[in-house]
Amino acid sequence: MKRVVIIEGPDNIGKSYLCRALHDTLPFSQLRHFGPPTKKGKAALREQLDLLDHEVKSISDGDGIEIWDRSFIGEAVYGPLYRTTQYNHAKYWQRLKYSCDVIAQHCMAIVLYTDGEWYRRFRIQRKNDETQQYQRQEEAAKVATAFVDVLTDLPLKHRLLINCANYASFTERNTYILKRINQWMKGRAFEHRQTDNYTKTFFNPTQNVWVRGEGFEGRWRECDAFNKKTCSIGKSHRVDCQFGKERKRPTAGCGAVKDVKYIFVGEAPGHKGCGKLGIPFYDDASGDLLQEALDRLRILPTQYYMTNVVKCCPKDNKLSDFVTAVSRQQLECVHALKDEIQAVMQASPKCLVVAIGKVAGHELAQMKIDHVMAYHPAYYLRIGQRDSFMKDLRKVIRERVI
């Protein structure tokens, strides 16, 4: 079978530049561009269905490498947004999902997201050929949000969501994407390693919650005990933790809050990871191992919500130096945890709650929240069995099929 890299996202965000860079690094690859339908009404639907059938057959029967600057996925975004009355978009969506299922292993689809800040930061000017409404920079957030939601729902095995706000330059963004693609081409999982930045995550402290159909929100809870300096862990977080010193607030959960498949609950922010950058299970040894497992299990960041029982980072990661199992339940953030989790559960009736470690498992049991239990990644690192974590996590989540 042929292998295809698909790059999607709003206009003028550097997709063509990225595709050319990728084309230069992959010998004998073919660069292709897919435009909008040339016909209207039912004829446009027929045109798109024929295109789907042709490309699926070409991928199934052919070989080589192709790089697609836009693809047939785009019609599932632009059709419902800008060609609302022309034809039955639900029919195209059903055929698209079926087609993607057929070629799921042989495509890597990447969506570039921006809320428009990317254009302002790099002073990107509108191109002369941007004449359609969907090409305008003012439409970028709406288009990008729709692409993220569409990719989340497609049954492709290899998907990557890129938040352009997390990169200092086109080069930094594209270098990361090229590394991910090269690993996929070699049939290897991407290895997450500490970077001290947000380049390997879809989230950041001001864009930590994804709302389907709306995009990013910055969402966190004000903690009276932290603000009034009456919490000992909060005091440590404010003094000893980089995130606490810079942001002057506790950390928060991250992920999607509607129609998620999983809610992951950890113990507390790690000093080198969440305690530094504010994203749970990110950029420290345990976080890197969990992120690698999620990649290998094909779980996108828009398919889970992730949080910690305790939101402030204890000095030296020693939560037991500050609270016991009994006194921990008096913390303001622990009191608020049940409401935090249940709000996501109410918007995601079929989600599975996964406790990462015994502290999370204990607190969820106290709250009578139905959940499954996984050992903490740190345990596998201590015993030198990294690969066993993903296998065990897969067993845990498959015990309760969604």
Protein backbone atom coordinates (compact mmCIF):
# COMPACT_ATOMS: atom_id res chain seq x y z
CA MET A 1 0.00 0.00 0.00
CA LYS A 2 0.89 3.62 -0.53
CA ARG A 3 1.68 5.82 2.46
CA VAL A 4 0.23 9.31 2.66
CA VAL A 5 0.96 12.31 4.88
CA ILE A 6 -2.01 14.69 5.07
CA ILE A 7 -1.57 18.30 6.21
CA GLU A 8 -4.77 20.21 7.05
CA GLY A 9 -5.69 23.51 8.69
CA PRO A 10 -6.82 27.03 7.81
CA ASP A 11 -5.30 29.03 4.95
CA ASN A 12 -1.99 30.87 5.07
CA ILE A 13 -0.71 29.00 8.12
CA GLY A 14 2.34 27.52 6.43
CA LYS A 15 0.92 24.21 5.17
CA SER A 16 2.53 24.49 1.74
CA TYR A 17 5.88 25.49 3.24
CA LEU A 18 5.70 22.47 5.54
CA CYS A 19 4.74 20.15 2.68
CA ARG A 20 7.66 21.34 0.56
CA ALA A 21 10.06 20.82 3.47
CA LEU A 22 8.68 17.34 3.95
CA HIS A 23 8.92 16.63 0.23
CA ASP A 24 12.61 17.62 0.32
CA THR A 25 13.33 15.18 3.17
CA LEU A 26 11.50 12.19 1.68
CA PRO A 27 13.15 10.91 -1.51
CA PHE A 28 10.80 9.96 -4.35
CA SER A 29 7.75 11.38 -2.57
CA GLN A 30 4.99 13.02 -4.60
CA LEU A 31 3.48 16.36 -3.57
CA ARG A 32 -0.24 16.86 -4.20
CA HIS A 33 -2.84 19.55 -3.55
CA PHE A 34 -6.59 19.07 -3.26
CA GLY A 35 -8.89 22.01 -4.00
CA PRO A 36 -12.61 22.61 -3.37
CA PRO A 37 -15.34 20.97 -5.49
CA THR A 38 -15.58 22.33 -9.03
CA LYS A 39 -19.32 21.63 -9.20
CA LYS A 40 -22.33 22.64 -7.13
CA GLY A 41 -25.30 20.98 -5.50
CA LYS A 42 -25.73 17.23 -5.82
CA ALA A 43 -23.08 17.21 -8.55
CA ALA A 44 -20.54 18.43 -5.97
CA LEU A 45 -21.44 15.53 -3.68
CA ARG A 46 -21.03 13.08 -6.52
CA GLU A 47 -17.69 14.65 -7.39
CA GLN A 48 -16.44 14.31 -3.82
CA LEU A 49 -17.67 10.72 -3.45
CA ASP A 50 -15.94 9.76 -6.70
CA LEU A 51 -12.76 11.43 -5.46
CA LEU A 52 -12.93 9.45 -2.23
CA ASP A 53 -13.38 6.16 -4.05
CA HIS A 54 -10.55 6.92 -6.45
CA GLU A 55 -8.05 7.91 -3.76
CA VAL A 56 -8.90 4.98 -1.47
CA LYS A 57 -8.35 2.58 -4.37
CA SER A 58 -5.11 4.37 -5.29
CA ILE A 59 -3.80 4.04 -1.74
CA SER A 60 -4.90 0.42 -1.42
CA ASP A 61 -3.48 -0.68 -4.78
CA GLY A 62 -0.49 1.64 -5.14
CA ASP A 63 2.85 2.17 -3.48
CA GLY A 64 5.26 5.02 -2.79
CA ILE A 65 4.87 8.10 -0.60
CA GLU A 66 2.55 11.04 -1.18
CA ILE A 67 2.30 14.35 0.70
CA TRP A 68 -1.10 15.99 0.54
CA ASP A 69 -1.44 19.75 0.98
CA ARG A 70 -5.16 19.55 1.85
CA SER A 71 -7.18 16.42 1.22
CA PHE A 72 -10.66 14.97 0.95
CA ILE A 73 -10.95 15.49 4.73
CA GLY A 74 -11.35 19.21 4.06
CA GLU A 75 -14.79 18.80 2.54
CA ALA A 76 -16.05 17.54 5.93
CA VAL A 77 -15.05 20.97 7.29
CA TYR A 78 -15.69 23.45 4.49
CA GLY A 79 -18.88 21.79 3.26
CA PRO A 80 -20.90 22.09 6.50
CA LEU A 81 -19.43 25.54 7.26
CA TYR A 82 -19.65 27.28 3.89
CA ARG A 83 -21.74 25.12 1.53
CA THR A 84 -24.54 24.36 3.96
CA THR A 85 -27.43 23.96 1.51
CA GLN A 86 -25.72 22.45 -1.50
CA TYR A 87 -26.01 18.76 -0.63
CA ASN A 88 -26.38 16.18 2.14
CA HIS A 89 -23.19 16.57 4.15
CA ALA A 90 -24.10 13.68 6.44
CA LYS A 91 -23.85 11.33 3.47
CA TYR A 92 -20.36 12.55 2.67
CA TRP A 93 -19.32 12.25 6.34
CA GLN A 94 -20.44 8.63 6.54
CA ARG A 95 -18.55 7.74 3.38
CA LEU A 96 -15.47 9.62 4.60
CA LYS A 97 -15.43 7.67 7.89
CA TYR A 98 -15.77 4.39 6.02
CA SER A 99 -12.98 5.35 3.61
CA CYS A 100 -10.66 6.42 6.42
CA ASP A 101 -11.27 3.12 8.17
CA VAL A 102 -10.12 1.28 5.03
CA ILE A 103 -6.86 3.24 4.76
CA ALA A 104 -6.42 3.88 8.50
CA GLN A 105 -2.96 2.33 8.83
CA HIS A 106 -1.49 3.99 5.75
CA CYS A 107 -2.14 7.68 6.39
CA MET A 108 -0.79 10.15 8.92
CA ALA A 109 -3.11 13.12 9.22
CA ILE A 110 -1.90 16.36 10.83
CA VAL A 111 -4.07 19.36 11.69
CA LEU A 112 -2.50 22.77 12.34
CA TYR A 113 -4.58 24.82 14.77
CA THR A 114 -4.54 28.57 15.32
CA ASP A 115 -7.00 30.99 16.87
CA GLY A 116 -5.53 33.74 14.68
CA GLU A 117 -2.66 34.72 16.98
CA TRP A 118 -0.18 32.98 14.64
CA TYR A 119 -0.94 35.55 11.93
CA ARG A 120 -0.54 38.49 14.28
CA ARG A 121 2.65 37.23 15.90
CA PHE A 122 4.44 36.74 12.58
CA ARG A 123 2.66 39.59 10.79
CA ILE A 124 1.43 37.29 8.05
CA GLN A 125 -0.27 39.26 5.32
CA ARG A 126 -3.25 38.10 3.32
CA LYS A 127 -2.38 36.58 -0.06
CA ASN A 128 -3.77 38.08 -3.26
CA ASP A 129 -5.50 34.82 -4.17
CA GLU A 130 -7.44 34.59 -0.90
CA THR A 131 -10.81 35.59 -2.32
CA GLN A 132 -13.17 33.16 -0.61
CA GLN A 133 -14.69 33.69 2.84
CA TYR A 134 -13.11 30.54 4.25
CA GLN A 135 -9.65 31.83 3.26
CA ARG A 136 -9.84 34.94 5.43
CA GLN A 137 -7.72 35.13 8.55
CA GLU A 138 -10.81 36.08 10.57
CA GLU A 139 -12.22 32.64 9.77
CA ALA A 140 -9.11 30.74 10.88
CA ALA A 141 -10.26 29.87 14.41
CA LYS A 142 -13.61 28.54 13.18
CA VAL A 143 -11.99 26.49 10.42
CA ALA A 144 -9.19 25.18 12.65
CA THR A 145 -11.65 24.18 15.39
CA ALA A 146 -13.75 22.24 12.89
CA PHE A 147 -10.65 20.45 11.57
CA VAL A 148 -9.63 19.41 15.10
CA ASP A 149 -13.11 18.04 15.82
CA VAL A 150 -13.29 16.21 12.48
CA LEU A 151 -9.88 14.58 12.93
CA THR A 152 -10.86 13.55 16.46
CA ASP A 153 -13.84 11.62 15.08
CA LEU A 154 -12.16 9.97 12.09
CA PRO A 155 -10.97 6.34 12.49
CA LEU A 156 -7.44 7.01 11.27
CA LYS A 157 -4.72 5.31 13.31
CA HIS A 158 -2.04 7.98 12.99
CA ARG A 159 -3.14 11.52 13.87
CA LEU A 160 -1.38 14.57 15.23
CA LEU A 161 -2.83 17.85 16.52
CA ILE A 162 -0.53 20.88 16.42
CA ASN A 163 -1.29 24.08 18.34
CA CYS A 164 0.76 26.73 16.55
CA ALA A 165 0.72 28.94 19.64
CA ASN A 166 3.20 26.55 21.27
CA TYR A 167 6.04 27.29 18.83
CA ALA A 168 8.40 30.24 18.60
CA SER A 169 8.85 29.96 14.83
CA PHE A 170 7.81 28.13 11.68
CA THR A 171 11.11 26.25 11.86
CA GLU A 172 10.55 25.02 15.41
CA ARG A 173 7.04 23.85 14.57
CA ASN A 174 8.00 22.16 11.32
CA THR A 175 11.08 20.49 12.84
CA TYR A 176 8.90 18.81 15.46
CA ILE A 177 6.34 17.70 12.86
CA LEU A 178 9.08 16.29 10.61
CA LYS A 179 10.45 14.27 13.53
CA ARG A 180 7.01 12.81 14.17
CA ILE A 181 6.55 11.93 10.51
CA ASN A 182 10.00 10.37 10.20
CA GLN A 183 9.32 8.13 13.19
CA TRP A 184 6.00 7.07 11.65
CA MET A 185 7.70 6.32 8.34
CA LYS A 186 10.15 4.07 10.20
CA GLY A 187 7.33 2.30 12.03
CA ARG A 188 8.53 3.56 15.41
CA ALA A 189 6.73 5.29 18.25
CA PHE A 190 7.81 8.85 18.93
CA GLU A 191 9.96 9.15 22.05
CA HIS A 192 8.92 12.01 24.32
CA ARG A 193 11.82 13.69 26.07
CA GLN A 194 12.02 16.72 28.36
CA THR A 195 12.07 20.02 26.45
CA ASP A 196 11.05 22.65 29.06
CA ASN A 197 8.50 24.06 26.59
CA TYR A 198 5.10 23.24 25.10
CA THR A 199 6.21 21.95 21.70
CA LYS A 200 5.13 18.34 22.38
CA THR A 201 1.67 19.09 23.70
CA PHE A 202 -1.55 20.46 22.25
CA PHE A 203 -2.13 22.50 25.40
CA ASN A 204 -0.58 25.40 27.31
CA PRO A 205 -1.56 27.25 30.51
CA THR A 206 -3.93 29.67 28.77
CA GLN A 207 -5.29 27.08 26.32
CA ASN A 208 -5.74 24.10 28.62
CA VAL A 209 -9.34 23.08 27.87
CA TRP A 210 -10.78 22.05 24.52
CA VAL A 211 -14.52 22.57 23.97
CA ARG A 212 -15.94 20.75 20.97
CA GLY A 213 -17.36 23.17 18.44
CA GLU A 214 -15.87 26.18 20.21
CA GLY A 215 -12.12 25.65 20.51
CA PHE A 216 -9.75 26.44 23.36
CA GLU A 217 -10.51 27.98 26.71
CA GLY A 218 -8.25 28.93 29.57
CA ARG A 219 -10.01 27.36 32.54
CA TRP A 220 -8.81 27.00 36.13
CA ARG A 221 -10.26 27.35 39.59
CA GLU A 222 -9.32 30.11 41.98
CA CYS A 223 -8.22 28.61 45.31
CA ASP A 224 -8.93 30.69 48.42
CA ALA A 225 -6.46 28.71 50.52
CA PHE A 226 -3.71 29.39 47.98
CA ASN A 227 -4.57 33.09 47.64
CA LYS A 228 -4.77 33.58 51.41
CA LYS A 229 -1.59 31.51 51.93
CA THR A 230 -3.26 29.21 54.43
CA CYS A 231 -2.34 25.97 52.62
CA SER A 232 1.13 24.56 53.33
CA ILE A 233 1.36 22.85 49.93
CA GLY A 234 0.21 26.07 48.30
CA LYS A 235 2.98 27.96 50.08
CA SER A 236 5.53 25.46 48.82
CA HIS A 237 4.08 25.67 45.31
CA ARG A 238 4.36 29.46 45.37
CA VAL A 239 8.00 29.42 46.55
CA ASP A 240 9.59 26.21 45.26
CA CYS A 241 7.68 25.52 42.04
CA GLN A 242 8.42 27.36 38.78
CA PHE A 243 4.78 27.40 37.67
CA GLY A 244 3.63 28.72 41.05
CA LYS A 245 6.27 31.44 41.11
CA GLU A 246 5.55 32.59 37.53
CA ARG A 247 1.77 32.16 37.30
CA LYS A 248 0.93 32.73 40.97
CA ARG A 249 -1.83 30.12 40.93
CA PRO A 250 -2.22 26.36 41.28
CA THR A 251 -2.07 24.14 38.21
CA ALA A 252 -5.26 22.96 36.50
CA GLY A 253 -6.56 20.06 34.47
CA CYS A 254 -6.21 19.90 30.70
CA GLY A 255 -7.94 18.19 27.81
CA ALA A 256 -11.40 18.11 26.31
CA VAL A 257 -14.54 18.51 28.43
CA LYS A 258 -17.20 17.17 26.04
CA ASP A 259 -17.59 13.69 24.57
CA VAL A 260 -14.29 12.42 25.97
CA LYS A 261 -13.43 8.74 26.17
CA TYR A 262 -11.22 8.93 29.25
CA ILE A 263 -10.64 10.96 32.38
CA PHE A 264 -7.14 10.40 33.80
CA VAL A 265 -6.52 11.41 37.42
CA GLY A 266 -3.04 11.61 38.92
CA GLU A 267 -1.70 12.42 42.37
CA ALA A 268 -0.08 15.89 42.25
CA PRO A 269 2.07 17.99 39.88
CA GLY A 270 5.63 16.74 39.46
CA HIS A 271 8.34 19.31 40.15
CA LYS A 272 10.07 18.86 36.77
CA GLY A 273 6.90 18.55 34.68
CA CYS A 274 3.49 19.90 35.61
CA GLY A 275 5.07 21.90 38.43
CA LYS A 276 7.19 23.67 35.83
CA LEU A 277 4.82 24.00 32.85
CA GLY A 278 1.37 23.49 34.35
CA ILE A 279 0.24 20.59 32.13
CA PRO A 280 -0.53 17.34 34.02
CA PHE A 281 1.70 14.39 33.11
CA TYR A 282 3.83 16.37 30.69
CA ASP A 283 7.58 16.89 30.21
CA ASP A 284 8.98 14.89 33.09
CA ALA A 285 9.90 11.20 33.14
CA SER A 286 6.47 9.97 34.24
CA GLY A 287 4.65 12.37 31.95
CA ASP A 288 6.77 11.40 28.95
CA LEU A 289 6.03 7.73 29.56
CA LEU A 290 2.28 8.38 29.80
CA GLN A 291 2.30 10.53 26.65
CA GLU A 292 4.14 7.80 24.74
CA ALA A 293 1.55 5.28 25.90
CA LEU A 294 -1.31 7.50 24.79
CA ASP A 295 0.33 7.92 21.38
CA ARG A 296 0.74 4.17 20.99
CA LEU A 297 -2.87 3.59 22.09
CA ARG A 298 -4.04 6.14 19.46
CA ILE A 299 -5.65 8.39 22.10
CA LEU A 300 -5.74 12.04 21.02
CA PRO A 301 -5.58 14.92 23.52
CA THR A 302 -9.13 15.84 22.47
CA GLN A 303 -10.32 12.41 23.60
CA TYR A 304 -9.37 12.74 27.26
CA TYR A 305 -9.44 15.04 30.25
CA MET A 306 -6.47 14.87 32.61
CA THR A 307 -6.11 16.29 36.11
CA ASN A 308 -4.49 15.76 39.51
CA VAL A 309 -6.02 15.21 42.94
CA VAL A 310 -3.79 17.93 44.43
CA LYS A 311 -3.24 20.98 42.23
CA CYS A 312 -0.15 22.44 43.89
CA CYS A 313 3.33 20.95 43.61
CA PRO A 314 4.78 19.68 46.93
CA LYS A 315 8.47 20.32 47.47
CA ASP A 316 10.65 17.44 46.22
CA ASN A 317 7.42 15.71 45.02
CA LYS A 318 6.84 14.47 48.58
CA LEU A 319 3.12 14.91 49.14
CA SER A 320 3.27 12.76 52.27
CA ASP A 321 5.49 15.36 53.94
CA PHE A 322 2.53 17.75 53.90
CA VAL A 323 -0.61 15.65 54.34
CA THR A 324 -1.80 12.21 55.39
CA ALA A 325 -4.54 10.23 53.64
CA VAL A 326 -6.98 11.75 56.14
CA SER A 327 -5.82 15.38 56.17
CA ARG A 328 -5.49 15.36 52.36
CA GLN A 329 -9.26 15.26 52.09
CA GLN A 330 -9.45 18.64 53.84
CA LEU A 331 -7.57 20.38 51.02
CA GLU A 332 -9.67 22.79 48.99
CA CYS A 333 -8.59 21.28 45.67
CA VAL A 334 -9.52 17.77 46.83
CA HIS A 335 -12.94 19.05 47.92
CA ALA A 336 -13.41 20.51 44.42
CA LEU A 337 -12.19 17.41 42.57
CA LYS A 338 -15.54 15.59 42.57
CA ASP A 339 -17.32 18.52 40.92
CA GLU A 340 -14.45 18.89 38.43
CA ILE A 341 -14.68 15.25 37.35
CA GLN A 342 -18.46 15.01 37.39
CA ALA A 343 -18.78 18.06 35.15
CA VAL A 344 -16.78 16.25 32.46
CA MET A 345 -18.65 12.99 33.09
CA GLN A 346 -22.01 14.68 32.60
CA ALA A 347 -20.88 15.95 29.18
CA SER A 348 -19.31 12.55 28.39
CA PRO A 349 -21.75 9.87 29.64
CA LYS A 350 -19.67 6.95 28.32
CA CYS A 351 -16.26 8.07 29.55
CA LEU A 352 -13.98 5.84 31.61
CA VAL A 353 -12.30 7.31 34.71
CA VAL A 354 -8.74 6.02 35.18
CA ALA A 355 -6.87 6.53 38.45
CA ILE A 356 -3.11 6.80 37.86
CA GLY A 357 -1.58 5.65 41.14
CA LYS A 358 -2.91 4.72 44.57
CA VAL A 359 -3.51 8.27 45.84
CA ALA A 360 -5.87 9.01 42.94
CA GLY A 361 -7.51 5.62 43.36
CA HIS A 362 -8.07 6.21 47.08
CA GLU A 363 -9.65 9.64 46.60
CA LEU A 364 -11.93 8.49 43.76
CA ALA A 365 -13.09 5.59 45.92
CA GLN A 366 -13.83 8.00 48.79
CA MET A 367 -15.90 10.09 46.39
CA LYS A 368 -17.69 6.97 45.13
CA ILE A 369 -16.69 7.73 41.54
CA ASP A 370 -16.64 4.55 39.49
CA HIS A 371 -13.14 4.06 38.05
CA VAL A 372 -10.41 1.65 37.07
CA MET A 373 -6.90 1.68 38.50
CA ALA A 374 -3.48 1.84 36.80
CA TYR A 375 -0.07 1.85 38.42
CA HIS A 376 1.75 5.19 38.25
CA PRO A 377 4.36 5.52 35.44
CA ALA A 378 6.97 6.25 38.12
CA TYR A 379 6.59 2.68 39.36
CA TYR A 380 7.57 1.24 35.98
CA LEU A 381 10.51 3.62 35.73
CA ARG A 382 11.75 2.54 39.17
CA ILE A 383 11.71 -1.15 38.22
CA GLY A 384 13.12 -0.52 34.74
CA GLN A 385 10.09 -1.77 32.77
CA ARG A 386 9.03 1.17 30.58
CA ASP A 387 7.35 -0.97 27.92
CA SER A 388 5.17 -2.72 30.48
CA PHE A 389 3.35 0.52 31.34
CA MET A 390 1.65 0.85 27.96
CA LYS A 391 0.69 -2.84 27.93
CA ASP A 392 -0.78 -2.65 31.42
CA LEU A 393 -2.60 0.60 30.71
CA ARG A 394 -4.11 -0.95 27.59
CA LYS A 395 -5.35 -3.91 29.64
CA VAL A 396 -6.89 -1.57 32.21
CA ILE A 397 -8.83 0.54 29.75
CA ARG A 398 -9.92 -2.49 27.73
CA GLU A 399 -11.46 -4.04 30.82
CA ARG A 400 -14.20 -1.50 30.32
CA VAL A 401 -14.88 -1.15 26.62
CA ILE A 402 -16.51 2.12 25.73
